[in-house]
Amino acid sequence: DTLWDLAIAEVEKRENPDDDGKRVEVWEKSILFMGNKNAGKTTIILRCLEREEIPKPTLALEYTFGRRARRHNTPKDIAHFWELGGGTSLLELIRIPITSNNMRSFAVVLVLDLSKPNELWATMEKLLQVTRNHVKKILTKLEKTNPEVATEIKQRMRNNLQRDHPDYELVDPFPIPLVIIGSKYDIFHEFDSEMRKIISKTLRFVSHYYGASLVFTSNSEALLLKARVLINHLAFGYDKSKSVSVDHSKPLFIPAGLDSLSQIGPPPASDSDIGKMRANTPLELWKKVFEKTFPPKSFCDLQDTKDPAQDLQYAEYEVDVMRAQKNQ
């Protein structure tokens, strides 16, 4: 072959992928982090992106991204990280990151503060309910405009649980991949063992019912690493961890589909108590048992939402002087 032949062959090889049609596609995923206020969402995101920054309080909805190359000389995969601040006070903002264009590649990470059990169920229920309703609306639209994508998303919901799993018909998977993170395990670990058991069992049930992964974490490097494994699986398609930890005296780590109702057991209450509780669904029954031990606090995130204009991290001298003048 002449030099020209070799050059032509080289260009063709670059322009046309290998004969087996394997072309390196850029992987692009989006993840929305939400949960209790001050539960450590920003810290978890920074650890996943290996950034050594001091986390600042999140204002409304914040965006950042991470890039990773799978192999040397390949285009980098991209993961979009969205974070919803303000606990449950700014729920309508979830319409911004979750759209019909990115539904196929979207996932949700719910960060719950284990040190505040009285706020735990209310926060979880509100955030998951609003997200689920929004996703269902998009799915209904997609069924008309792009039925193939809608079918694919619905099919994928069921994939976490094998068809031969005994609970296959008993659970109600979340419409998009979900990871539940219990944060501040170091404080939670100091709780009475019976309280820890009730919280752990309840979160195991909720995660299993929604086809979600569950992990407990704190500021310790080892526990943050476990949360990172689950998030990297969603963000960059890294291998899922096969390890499982269901011991209530240790931090829980249960990837989706690896738990079962028989292992979790019944809600932690006496038979006579359960008999008195009127519940239409298993989820409702667990809620009633949980709230019997941890009555929900009537808390309102809206009252806590500070005026960002007064926040020092957004100070701008000229603007602030004009504003002070106007107020005066």
Foldseek 3Di string as FASTA:
>chain_A
DDPVVVVVVVVVPVVQDPPVRDDQDAAEAEEEEAEDAPLCPQVLVCVLQVHPDDDDADDAKDKDKHWADPDPPGGIHIYIYMYGHLQLARLVVVDVPDALVRVLQYEYEYEYALLQLLAGVVSVCRNLVSVQVSSVVSLVVCCVVPVVSSVVLQVVQLVLADPPAPCSVQADARSHAYEYEHEPVVNNLPDDLVLLLLVLLLVVVVCQRHQYWYWYAYPDPVRSVLVSQVVCCSGPVPDHDPDFDSDSNDIGGGGGHRDHDVNSDARPDDPVVLVPDDDDGSNRSSVVSSCVVRPHDPDDSVVVNDDVVPDPVPDDPVVVVVVVVVVD
